[in-house]
Amino acid sequence: MKLFDGAVFNSNGMKRFFYFFLFYLFSFIVTADEAVCVFVSILPQKYFVEKIGQKRVKVSVLVQPGYEPHSYEPKPRQMMELAAARIYFAIGFPFEQTWLSKFRSVNPSMLIVQTDEGIRKVPSVHHEQAGEKGENEVLDPHIWLSPVLVRKQALTIKNALIRADPMHQDQYESNFRQFDNELSGLHQEFKRIFSEGTLKNRAFLVYHPSWGYFARDYHLDQIPIEQEGKEPKPQYLEQLIIRSRTLGIKVVLIQPEYSVKMAQTIASATGAKVITADVMSENWGENLKKVSRELQAAMQE
């Protein structure tokens, strides 16, 4: 049997060609069916990506529990792992401004997606109170604590997964619709929990002002214990205690990584209840439900 160059394939040559063809075909099938390797900045994003990607994604988280996300520095091992990722989902933390270009140099083919794209952020409460404006204005990055804003992030995530893995578009579309319904249900549940007239007080204290978007969505008022992003001075702390007593605030939210002792001091001085709220919980939906119900119970007292 002659080919284009006139060479004749003997039986051994045909076998080698056949085996090579099978190997190539098998490799294509495995590559097309393997999970999409994804990196995210924080644990709640892992929840979002897995809701939409399910078994089609393998998600690694950059900022591990117990680390400060605002100024995180990736470990050498993580930089090596990033070289194999197909997508990096950023969320708008300050550390990303420094590191995203370095991630790109490690993996030029990796798709970097800003999940905060199209979301209008508001100034952080303590900077707004300090009168910082213009170039020094610091915007609140905690957009994952609002189901309303997560719906926008989910759409961005879905579109990126389809771009990276178009053969499974139908799966991503279906998973996205289910997740969007879940988010809509959560939003309606929280609107009911914090409905007008059911609460005696709509204000709460929080050490680090992470809950601004959540408070805005459900007409609550978060008051930070931090003063310009730092531990409060004695004079400010005294004013805060007086203000809390005047407003009748009954709850203080704390995060495990921030000053629990300071929050407990204020709670003791005002008769408020301390609630632990982990904003970095991987079990995002159940965590928000837990915090909402505990806030509601404290605000009804």
C-alpha atoms as a PDB file:
ATOM      1  CA  MET A   1       0.000   0.000   0.000  1.00  0.00           C
ATOM      2  CA  LYS A   2       1.602   3.255  -1.177  1.00  0.00           C
ATOM      3  CA  LEU A   3       1.284   6.611   0.513  1.00  0.00           C
ATOM      4  CA  PHE A   4       2.009  10.139  -0.804  1.00  0.00           C
ATOM      5  CA  ASP A   5       5.778   9.721  -0.777  1.00  0.00           C
ATOM      6  CA  GLY A   6       5.627   6.305  -2.357  1.00  0.00           C
ATOM      7  CA  ALA A   7       6.721   4.507   0.819  1.00  0.00           C
ATOM      8  CA  VAL A   8       5.103   1.171   1.571  1.00  0.00           C
ATOM      9  CA  PHE A   9       3.697   0.457   5.008  1.00  0.00           C
ATOM     10  CA  ASN A  10       4.400  -3.136   6.044  1.00  0.00           C
ATOM     11  CA  SER A  11       2.205  -4.838   8.639  1.00  0.00           C
ATOM     12  CA  ASN A  12       4.404  -3.641  11.550  1.00  0.00           C
ATOM     13  CA  GLY A  13       4.255  -0.070  10.250  1.00  0.00           C
ATOM     14  CA  MET A  14       0.483  -0.198  10.049  1.00  0.00           C
ATOM     15  CA  LYS A  15       0.300  -1.496  13.623  1.00  0.00           C
ATOM     16  CA  ARG A  16       2.522   1.316  14.861  1.00  0.00           C
ATOM     17  CA  PHE A  17       0.409   3.859  13.017  1.00  0.00           C
ATOM     18  CA  PHE A  18      -2.806   2.343  14.423  1.00  0.00           C
ATOM     19  CA  TYR A  19      -1.476   2.345  18.010  1.00  0.00           C
ATOM     20  CA  PHE A  20      -0.286   5.947  17.640  1.00  0.00           C
ATOM     21  CA  PHE A  21      -3.705   6.961  16.371  1.00  0.00           C
ATOM     22  CA  LEU A  22      -5.442   5.247  19.318  1.00  0.00           C
ATOM     23  CA  PHE A  23      -3.041   6.904  21.770  1.00  0.00           C
ATOM     24  CA  TYR A  24      -3.664  10.325  20.226  1.00  0.00           C
ATOM     25  CA  LEU A  25      -7.437   9.790  20.291  1.00  0.00           C
ATOM     26  CA  PHE A  26      -7.359   8.574  23.913  1.00  0.00           C
ATOM     27  CA  SER A  27      -5.214  11.548  24.965  1.00  0.00           C
ATOM     28  CA  PHE A  28      -7.697  13.936  23.362  1.00  0.00           C
ATOM     29  CA  ILE A  29     -10.631  12.306  25.160  1.00  0.00           C
ATOM     30  CA  VAL A  30      -8.854  12.431  28.551  1.00  0.00           C
ATOM     31  CA  THR A  31      -7.827  16.072  28.041  1.00  0.00           C
ATOM     32  CA  ALA A  32     -11.348  17.046  26.985  1.00  0.00           C
ATOM     33  CA  ASP A  33     -12.863  15.276  29.988  1.00  0.00           C
ATOM     34  CA  GLU A  34     -10.417  16.194  32.753  1.00  0.00           C
ATOM     35  CA  ALA A  35     -11.385  18.747  35.393  1.00  0.00           C
ATOM     36  CA  VAL A  36     -10.618  22.417  34.836  1.00  0.00           C
ATOM     37  CA  CYS A  37      -7.921  23.489  37.317  1.00  0.00           C
ATOM     38  CA  VAL A  38      -8.987  26.761  38.932  1.00  0.00           C
ATOM     39  CA  PHE A  39      -7.477  29.065  41.551  1.00  0.00           C
ATOM     40  CA  VAL A  40      -9.499  31.499  43.683  1.00  0.00           C
ATOM     41  CA  SER A  41      -8.393  34.103  46.199  1.00  0.00           C
ATOM     42  CA  ILE A  42     -10.607  33.114  49.163  1.00  0.00           C
ATOM     43  CA  LEU A  43     -12.683  30.160  50.400  1.00  0.00           C
ATOM     44  CA  PRO A  44     -16.176  31.583  49.690  1.00  0.00           C
ATOM     45  CA  GLN A  45     -15.228  31.807  46.003  1.00  0.00           C
ATOM     46  CA  LYS A  46     -14.525  28.063  46.060  1.00  0.00           C
ATOM     47  CA  TYR A  47     -18.163  27.574  47.078  1.00  0.00           C
ATOM     48  CA  PHE A  48     -19.355  29.705  44.134  1.00  0.00           C
ATOM     49  CA  VAL A  49     -17.120  28.057  41.530  1.00  0.00           C
ATOM     50  CA  GLU A  50     -17.994  24.543  42.671  1.00  0.00           C
ATOM     51  CA  LYS A  51     -21.704  25.348  42.585  1.00  0.00           C
ATOM     52  CA  ILE A  52     -21.370  26.217  38.905  1.00  0.00           C
ATOM     53  CA  GLY A  53     -18.570  23.866  37.859  1.00  0.00           C
ATOM     54  CA  GLN A  54     -19.381  20.936  40.155  1.00  0.00           C
ATOM     55  CA  LYS A  55     -17.323  17.896  39.042  1.00  0.00           C
ATOM     56  CA  ARG A  56     -15.960  19.773  36.033  1.00  0.00           C
ATOM     57  CA  VAL A  57     -13.662  21.919  38.219  1.00  0.00           C
ATOM     58  CA  LYS A  58     -10.795  21.360  40.624  1.00  0.00           C
ATOM     59  CA  VAL A  59     -10.522  24.429  42.843  1.00  0.00           C
ATOM     60  CA  SER A  60      -7.474  25.563  44.844  1.00  0.00           C
ATOM     61  CA  VAL A  61      -7.670  28.444  47.326  1.00  0.00           C
ATOM     62  CA  LEU A  62      -4.841  30.937  47.658  1.00  0.00           C
ATOM     63  CA  VAL A  63      -5.598  32.506  51.081  1.00  0.00           C
ATOM     64  CA  GLN A  64      -5.911  29.666  53.566  1.00  0.00           C
ATOM     65  CA  PRO A  65      -7.878  29.908  56.851  1.00  0.00           C
ATOM     66  CA  GLY A  66      -6.130  31.941  59.513  1.00  0.00           C
ATOM     67  CA  TYR A  67      -4.284  34.221  57.087  1.00  0.00           C
ATOM     68  CA  GLU A  68      -4.996  37.921  56.529  1.00  0.00           C
ATOM     69  CA  PRO A  69      -6.448  38.297  52.997  1.00  0.00           C
ATOM     70  CA  HIS A  70      -5.902  42.052  52.678  1.00  0.00           C
ATOM     71  CA  SER A  71      -2.100  41.733  52.509  1.00  0.00           C
ATOM     72  CA  TYR A  72      -1.506  38.071  51.643  1.00  0.00           C
ATOM     73  CA  GLU A  73       1.734  36.863  50.034  1.00  0.00           C
ATOM     74  CA  PRO A  74       1.515  33.554  48.109  1.00  0.00           C
ATOM     75  CA  LYS A  75       3.796  30.707  49.128  1.00  0.00           C
ATOM     76  CA  PRO A  76       6.411  29.328  46.651  1.00  0.00           C
ATOM     77  CA  ARG A  77       4.455  26.057  46.462  1.00  0.00           C
ATOM     78  CA  GLN A  78       1.331  27.961  45.452  1.00  0.00           C
ATOM     79  CA  MET A  79       3.231  29.782  42.717  1.00  0.00           C
ATOM     80  CA  MET A  80       4.264  26.395  41.316  1.00  0.00           C
ATOM     81  CA  GLU A  81       0.672  25.141  41.433  1.00  0.00           C
ATOM     82  CA  LEU A  82      -0.531  28.280  39.662  1.00  0.00           C
ATOM     83  CA  ALA A  83       1.580  27.285  36.679  1.00  0.00           C
ATOM     84  CA  ALA A  84      -0.889  24.455  35.990  1.00  0.00           C
ATOM     85  CA  ALA A  85      -4.116  26.451  36.519  1.00  0.00           C
ATOM     86  CA  ARG A  86      -6.372  27.385  33.620  1.00  0.00           C
ATOM     87  CA  ILE A  87      -8.321  30.141  35.408  1.00  0.00           C
ATOM     88  CA  TYR A  88      -7.641  32.504  38.300  1.00  0.00           C
ATOM     89  CA  PHE A  89     -10.728  34.145  39.791  1.00  0.00           C
ATOM     90  CA  ALA A  90      -9.755  37.425  41.480  1.00  0.00           C
ATOM     91  CA  ILE A  91     -12.183  39.301  43.738  1.00  0.00           C
ATOM     92  CA  GLY A  92     -10.598  42.715  44.283  1.00  0.00           C
ATOM     93  CA  PHE A  93      -8.367  42.379  47.343  1.00  0.00           C
ATOM     94  CA  PRO A  94      -5.419  44.808  47.482  1.00  0.00           C
ATOM     95  CA  PHE A  95      -2.847  41.994  47.392  1.00  0.00           C
ATOM     96  CA  GLU A  96      -4.112  41.015  43.933  1.00  0.00           C
ATOM     97  CA  GLN A  97      -2.937  44.317  42.480  1.00  0.00           C
ATOM     98  CA  THR A  98       0.639  43.296  43.273  1.00  0.00           C
ATOM     99  CA  TRP A  99       0.468  39.593  42.521  1.00  0.00           C
ATOM    100  CA  LEU A 100      -1.757  39.130  39.469  1.00  0.00           C
ATOM    101  CA  SER A 101       0.977  40.298  37.090  1.00  0.00           C
ATOM    102  CA  LYS A 102       3.366  37.821  38.738  1.00  0.00           C
ATOM    103  CA  PHE A 103       0.790  35.051  38.342  1.00  0.00           C
ATOM    104  CA  ARG A 104       0.575  35.897  34.657  1.00  0.00           C
ATOM    105  CA  SER A 105       4.350  35.701  34.257  1.00  0.00           C
ATOM    106  CA  VAL A 106       4.323  32.234  35.838  1.00  0.00           C
ATOM    107  CA  ASN A 107       1.443  31.084  33.622  1.00  0.00           C
ATOM    108  CA  PRO A 108       0.887  33.321  30.558  1.00  0.00           C
ATOM    109  CA  SER A 109      -1.929  31.115  29.237  1.00  0.00           C
ATOM    110  CA  MET A 110      -3.967  31.276  32.466  1.00  0.00           C
ATOM    111  CA  LEU A 111      -7.228  33.206  32.163  1.00  0.00           C
ATOM    112  CA  ILE A 112      -7.418  35.854  34.919  1.00  0.00           C
ATOM    113  CA  VAL A 113     -11.007  36.832  35.682  1.00  0.00           C
ATOM    114  CA  GLN A 114     -12.070  39.785  37.846  1.00  0.00           C
ATOM    115  CA  THR A 115     -15.257  38.568  39.503  1.00  0.00           C
ATOM    116  CA  ASP A 116     -15.856  42.069  40.888  1.00  0.00           C
ATOM    117  CA  GLU A 117     -16.174  43.441  37.355  1.00  0.00           C
ATOM    118  CA  GLY A 118     -19.311  45.541  36.946  1.00  0.00           C
ATOM    119  CA  ILE A 119     -19.882  45.799  40.709  1.00  0.00           C
ATOM    120  CA  ARG A 120     -19.956  49.308  42.140  1.00  0.00           C
ATOM    121  CA  LYS A 121     -18.073  49.209  45.419  1.00  0.00           C
ATOM    122  CA  VAL A 122     -18.616  51.627  48.277  1.00  0.00           C
ATOM    123  CA  PRO A 123     -15.990  53.153  50.598  1.00  0.00           C
ATOM    124  CA  SER A 124     -15.052  51.185  53.690  1.00  0.00           C
ATOM    125  CA  VAL A 125     -16.927  52.563  56.687  1.00  0.00           C
ATOM    126  CA  HIS A 126     -13.902  53.492  58.806  1.00  0.00           C
ATOM    127  CA  HIS A 127     -12.255  55.368  55.917  1.00  0.00           C
ATOM    128  CA  GLU A 128     -15.471  57.155  55.085  1.00  0.00           C
ATOM    129  CA  GLN A 129     -15.790  58.207  58.727  1.00  0.00           C
ATOM    130  CA  ALA A 130     -12.185  59.397  58.721  1.00  0.00           C
ATOM    131  CA  GLY A 131     -13.003  61.702  55.832  1.00  0.00           C
ATOM    132  CA  GLU A 132     -10.724  60.042  53.303  1.00  0.00           C
ATOM    133  CA  LYS A 133     -11.703  60.870  49.749  1.00  0.00           C
ATOM    134  CA  GLY A 134     -10.312  60.869  46.229  1.00  0.00           C
ATOM    135  CA  GLU A 135      -7.072  58.981  45.622  1.00  0.00           C
ATOM    136  CA  ASN A 136      -6.858  57.735  49.224  1.00  0.00           C
ATOM    137  CA  GLU A 137     -10.395  56.360  49.265  1.00  0.00           C
ATOM    138  CA  VAL A 138     -10.418  52.671  50.200  1.00  0.00           C
ATOM    139  CA  LEU A 139     -13.269  50.626  48.730  1.00  0.00           C
ATOM    140  CA  ASP A 140     -14.895  47.788  50.623  1.00  0.00           C
ATOM    141  CA  PRO A 141     -13.818  44.452  49.053  1.00  0.00           C
ATOM    142  CA  HIS A 142     -16.322  42.230  50.931  1.00  0.00           C
ATOM    143  CA  ILE A 143     -18.690  41.733  47.976  1.00  0.00           C
ATOM    144  CA  TRP A 144     -19.093  37.988  48.677  1.00  0.00           C
ATOM    145  CA  LEU A 145     -21.229  38.644  51.776  1.00  0.00           C
ATOM    146  CA  SER A 146     -24.147  39.968  49.700  1.00  0.00           C
ATOM    147  CA  PRO A 147     -26.313  37.379  47.880  1.00  0.00           C
ATOM    148  CA  VAL A 148     -27.344  40.190  45.531  1.00  0.00           C
ATOM    149  CA  LEU A 149     -23.731  40.829  44.492  1.00  0.00           C
ATOM    150  CA  VAL A 150     -22.875  37.123  44.424  1.00  0.00           C
ATOM    151  CA  ARG A 151     -25.475  36.691  41.675  1.00  0.00           C
ATOM    152  CA  LYS A 152     -23.386  39.062  39.549  1.00  0.00           C
ATOM    153  CA  GLN A 153     -20.181  37.253  40.456  1.00  0.00           C
ATOM    154  CA  ALA A 154     -21.764  33.904  39.591  1.00  0.00           C
ATOM    155  CA  LEU A 155     -22.601  35.094  36.077  1.00  0.00           C
ATOM    156  CA  THR A 156     -18.984  36.166  35.549  1.00  0.00           C
ATOM    157  CA  ILE A 157     -17.756  32.793  36.839  1.00  0.00           C
ATOM    158  CA  LYS A 158     -20.129  30.888  34.565  1.00  0.00           C
ATOM    159  CA  ASN A 159     -19.038  32.804  31.474  1.00  0.00           C
ATOM    160  CA  ALA A 160     -15.358  32.219  32.268  1.00  0.00           C
ATOM    161  CA  LEU A 161     -15.839  28.472  32.729  1.00  0.00           C
ATOM    162  CA  ILE A 162     -17.644  28.271  29.391  1.00  0.00           C
ATOM    163  CA  ARG A 163     -14.821  30.198  27.738  1.00  0.00           C
ATOM    164  CA  ALA A 164     -12.229  27.793  29.166  1.00  0.00           C
ATOM    165  CA  ASP A 165     -14.292  24.642  28.646  1.00  0.00           C
ATOM    166  CA  PRO A 166     -16.871  25.258  25.865  1.00  0.00           C
ATOM    167  CA  MET A 167     -17.611  21.553  25.347  1.00  0.00           C
ATOM    168  CA  HIS A 168     -19.504  21.516  28.660  1.00  0.00           C
ATOM    169  CA  GLN A 169     -21.427  24.764  28.264  1.00  0.00           C
ATOM    170  CA  ASP A 170     -24.805  23.106  28.846  1.00  0.00           C
ATOM    171  CA  GLN A 171     -23.666  21.781  32.238  1.00  0.00           C
ATOM    172  CA  TYR A 172     -22.410  25.172  33.333  1.00  0.00           C
ATOM    173  CA  GLU A 173     -25.597  26.887  32.190  1.00  0.00           C
ATOM    174  CA  SER A 174     -27.767  24.384  34.064  1.00  0.00           C
ATOM    175  CA  ASN A 175     -25.679  24.565  37.254  1.00  0.00           C
ATOM    176  CA  PHE A 176     -25.680  28.351  37.094  1.00  0.00           C
ATOM    177  CA  ARG A 177     -29.487  28.492  36.893  1.00  0.00           C
ATOM    178  CA  GLN A 178     -29.768  26.251  39.966  1.00  0.00           C
ATOM    179  CA  PHE A 179     -27.290  28.369  41.906  1.00  0.00           C
ATOM    180  CA  ASP A 180     -28.994  31.584  40.831  1.00  0.00           C
ATOM    181  CA  ASN A 181     -32.302  30.225  42.161  1.00  0.00           C
ATOM    182  CA  GLU A 182     -30.565  29.356  45.433  1.00  0.00           C
ATOM    183  CA  LEU A 183     -29.174  32.891  45.724  1.00  0.00           C
ATOM    184  CA  SER A 184     -32.556  34.405  44.954  1.00  0.00           C
ATOM    185  CA  GLY A 185     -34.116  32.237  47.662  1.00  0.00           C
ATOM    186  CA  LEU A 186     -31.492  33.321  50.193  1.00  0.00           C
ATOM    187  CA  HIS A 187     -32.098  36.960  49.378  1.00  0.00           C
ATOM    188  CA  GLN A 188     -35.838  36.581  49.919  1.00  0.00           C
ATOM    189  CA  GLU A 189     -35.253  34.698  53.180  1.00  0.00           C
ATOM    190  CA  PHE A 190     -32.986  37.448  54.525  1.00  0.00           C
ATOM    191  CA  LYS A 191     -35.446  40.145  53.468  1.00  0.00           C
ATOM    192  CA  ARG A 192     -38.086  38.318  55.516  1.00  0.00           C
ATOM    193  CA  ILE A 193     -35.766  37.860  58.526  1.00  0.00           C
ATOM    194  CA  PHE A 194     -34.881  41.558  58.585  1.00  0.00           C
ATOM    195  CA  SER A 195     -38.276  42.873  57.489  1.00  0.00           C
ATOM    196  CA  GLU A 196     -39.405  46.230  58.808  1.00  0.00           C
ATOM    197  CA  GLY A 197     -41.228  46.125  62.131  1.00  0.00           C
ATOM    198  CA  THR A 198     -39.830  42.790  63.323  1.00  0.00           C
ATOM    199  CA  LEU A 199     -36.679  44.234  64.920  1.00  0.00           C
ATOM    200  CA  LYS A 200     -36.319  46.567  67.872  1.00  0.00           C
ATOM    201  CA  ASN A 201     -32.921  47.775  66.683  1.00  0.00           C
ATOM    202  CA  ARG A 202     -31.325  47.586  63.246  1.00  0.00           C
ATOM    203  CA  ALA A 203     -27.769  48.550  64.257  1.00  0.00           C
ATOM    204  CA  PHE A 204     -24.924  46.224  65.200  1.00  0.00           C
ATOM    205  CA  LEU A 205     -21.302  46.640  66.218  1.00  0.00           C
ATOM    206  CA  VAL A 206     -18.532  44.848  64.328  1.00  0.00           C
ATOM    207  CA  TYR A 207     -14.796  44.937  64.914  1.00  0.00           C
ATOM    208  CA  HIS A 208     -13.800  44.954  61.228  1.00  0.00           C
ATOM    209  CA  PRO A 209     -16.475  46.456  58.919  1.00  0.00           C
ATOM    210  CA  SER A 210     -16.944  43.494  56.590  1.00  0.00           C
ATOM    211  CA  TRP A 211     -20.747  43.534  56.457  1.00  0.00           C
ATOM    212  CA  GLY A 212     -21.409  46.801  54.638  1.00  0.00           C
ATOM    213  CA  TYR A 213     -23.028  45.316  51.516  1.00  0.00           C
ATOM    214  CA  PHE A 214     -25.068  42.860  53.573  1.00  0.00           C
ATOM    215  CA  ALA A 215     -26.233  45.691  55.851  1.00  0.00           C
ATOM    216  CA  ARG A 216     -27.135  47.835  52.836  1.00  0.00           C
ATOM    217  CA  ASP A 217     -29.195  45.036  51.247  1.00  0.00           C
ATOM    218  CA  TYR A 218     -31.280  44.448  54.373  1.00  0.00           C
ATOM    219  CA  HIS A 219     -31.432  48.017  55.773  1.00  0.00           C
ATOM    220  CA  LEU A 220     -29.153  47.392  58.739  1.00  0.00           C
ATOM    221  CA  ASP A 221     -26.495  49.689  60.199  1.00  0.00           C
ATOM    222  CA  GLN A 222     -23.006  48.334  60.898  1.00  0.00           C
ATOM    223  CA  ILE A 223     -20.878  50.400  63.295  1.00  0.00           C
ATOM    224  CA  PRO A 224     -17.155  49.505  63.306  1.00  0.00           C
ATOM    225  CA  ILE A 225     -15.062  49.168  66.424  1.00  0.00           C
ATOM    226  CA  GLU A 226     -11.888  49.694  64.395  1.00  0.00           C
ATOM    227  CA  GLN A 227     -10.744  53.291  64.148  1.00  0.00           C
ATOM    228  CA  GLU A 228      -9.308  53.998  60.687  1.00  0.00           C
ATOM    229  CA  GLY A 229      -8.503  50.310  60.298  1.00  0.00           C
ATOM    230  CA  LYS A 230      -6.651  50.097  63.632  1.00  0.00           C
ATOM    231  CA  GLU A 231      -7.457  49.186  67.222  1.00  0.00           C
ATOM    232  CA  PRO A 232      -9.520  52.034  68.712  1.00  0.00           C
ATOM    233  CA  LYS A 233      -7.997  54.594  71.037  1.00  0.00           C
ATOM    234  CA  PRO A 234      -9.431  54.819  74.584  1.00  0.00           C
ATOM    235  CA  GLN A 235     -11.315  58.074  73.880  1.00  0.00           C
ATOM    236  CA  TYR A 236     -12.977  56.649  70.752  1.00  0.00           C
ATOM    237  CA  LEU A 237     -13.812  53.429  72.615  1.00  0.00           C
ATOM    238  CA  GLU A 238     -15.513  55.399  75.378  1.00  0.00           C
ATOM    239  CA  GLN A 239     -17.541  57.355  72.809  1.00  0.00           C
ATOM    240  CA  LEU A 240     -18.500  54.110  71.080  1.00  0.00           C
ATOM    241  CA  ILE A 241     -19.778  52.587  74.321  1.00  0.00           C
ATOM    242  CA  ILE A 242     -21.873  55.692  75.062  1.00  0.00           C
ATOM    243  CA  ARG A 243     -23.250  55.678  71.517  1.00  0.00           C
ATOM    244  CA  SER A 244     -24.094  51.965  71.752  1.00  0.00           C
ATOM    245  CA  ARG A 245     -25.989  52.466  75.007  1.00  0.00           C
ATOM    246  CA  THR A 246     -27.873  55.433  73.533  1.00  0.00           C
ATOM    247  CA  LEU A 247     -28.865  53.486  70.418  1.00  0.00           C
ATOM    248  CA  GLY A 248     -29.682  50.369  72.424  1.00  0.00           C
ATOM    249  CA  ILE A 249     -27.381  48.132  70.358  1.00  0.00           C
ATOM    250  CA  LYS A 250     -27.698  44.515  71.443  1.00  0.00           C
ATOM    251  CA  VAL A 251     -25.162  42.664  69.301  1.00  0.00           C
ATOM    252  CA  VAL A 252     -21.440  42.709  68.471  1.00  0.00           C
ATOM    253  CA  LEU A 253     -20.136  40.697  65.487  1.00  0.00           C
ATOM    254  CA  ILE A 254     -16.602  39.353  65.756  1.00  0.00           C
ATOM    255  CA  GLN A 255     -14.316  37.481  63.371  1.00  0.00           C
ATOM    256  CA  PRO A 256     -11.919  34.844  64.744  1.00  0.00           C
ATOM    257  CA  GLU A 257      -8.851  36.622  63.322  1.00  0.00           C
ATOM    258  CA  TYR A 258      -9.609  40.016  64.895  1.00  0.00           C
ATOM    259  CA  SER A 259      -9.638  41.391  68.444  1.00  0.00           C
ATOM    260  CA  VAL A 260     -12.125  39.233  70.328  1.00  0.00           C
ATOM    261  CA  LYS A 261     -11.090  40.747  73.667  1.00  0.00           C
ATOM    262  CA  MET A 262     -11.931  44.291  72.530  1.00  0.00           C
ATOM    263  CA  ALA A 263     -15.385  43.232  71.308  1.00  0.00           C
ATOM    264  CA  GLN A 264     -16.082  41.390  74.554  1.00  0.00           C
ATOM    265  CA  THR A 265     -15.084  44.466  76.562  1.00  0.00           C
ATOM    266  CA  ILE A 266     -17.637  46.570  74.672  1.00  0.00           C
ATOM    267  CA  ALA A 267     -20.290  43.874  74.951  1.00  0.00           C
ATOM    268  CA  SER A 268     -19.817  43.712  78.732  1.00  0.00           C
ATOM    269  CA  ALA A 269     -20.074  47.503  79.013  1.00  0.00           C
ATOM    270  CA  THR A 270     -23.258  47.723  76.910  1.00  0.00           C
ATOM    271  CA  GLY A 271     -25.056  44.464  77.671  1.00  0.00           C
ATOM    272  CA  ALA A 272     -24.754  43.342  74.059  1.00  0.00           C
ATOM    273  CA  LYS A 273     -24.471  39.766  72.828  1.00  0.00           C
ATOM    274  CA  VAL A 274     -21.295  38.614  71.043  1.00  0.00           C
ATOM    275  CA  ILE A 275     -21.787  36.651  67.807  1.00  0.00           C
ATOM    276  CA  THR A 276     -18.916  34.975  65.965  1.00  0.00           C
ATOM    277  CA  ALA A 277     -19.260  35.485  62.212  1.00  0.00           C
ATOM    278  CA  ASP A 278     -16.591  33.901  60.023  1.00  0.00           C
ATOM    279  CA  VAL A 279     -16.641  35.883  56.773  1.00  0.00           C
ATOM    280  CA  MET A 280     -14.236  33.365  55.186  1.00  0.00           C
ATOM    281  CA  SER A 281     -16.370  30.287  55.788  1.00  0.00           C
ATOM    282  CA  GLU A 282     -16.249  27.770  52.951  1.00  0.00           C
ATOM    283  CA  ASN A 283     -19.833  26.720  53.713  1.00  0.00           C
ATOM    284  CA  TRP A 284     -21.001  30.125  52.516  1.00  0.00           C
ATOM    285  CA  GLY A 285     -24.767  29.634  52.368  1.00  0.00           C
ATOM    286  CA  GLU A 286     -25.207  27.981  55.755  1.00  0.00           C
ATOM    287  CA  ASN A 287     -22.848  30.496  57.341  1.00  0.00           C
ATOM    288  CA  LEU A 288     -24.921  33.467  56.129  1.00  0.00           C
ATOM    289  CA  LYS A 289     -28.113  31.795  57.353  1.00  0.00           C
ATOM    290  CA  LYS A 290     -26.563  31.217  60.788  1.00  0.00           C
ATOM    291  CA  VAL A 291     -25.351  34.814  61.118  1.00  0.00           C
ATOM    292  CA  SER A 292     -28.718  36.191  59.926  1.00  0.00           C
ATOM    293  CA  ARG A 293     -30.739  34.175  62.416  1.00  0.00           C
ATOM    294  CA  GLU A 294     -28.444  35.084  65.304  1.00  0.00           C
ATOM    295  CA  LEU A 295     -28.571  38.760  64.349  1.00  0.00           C
ATOM    296  CA  GLN A 296     -32.338  38.627  64.135  1.00  0.00           C
ATOM    297  CA  ALA A 297     -32.652  37.000  67.573  1.00  0.00           C
ATOM    298  CA  ALA A 298     -30.365  39.592  69.188  1.00  0.00           C
ATOM    299  CA  MET A 299     -32.084  42.527  67.488  1.00  0.00           C
ATOM    300  CA  GLN A 300     -35.504  41.382  68.642  1.00  0.00           C
ATOM    301  CA  GLU A 301     -34.552  41.469  72.327  1.00  0.00           C
END
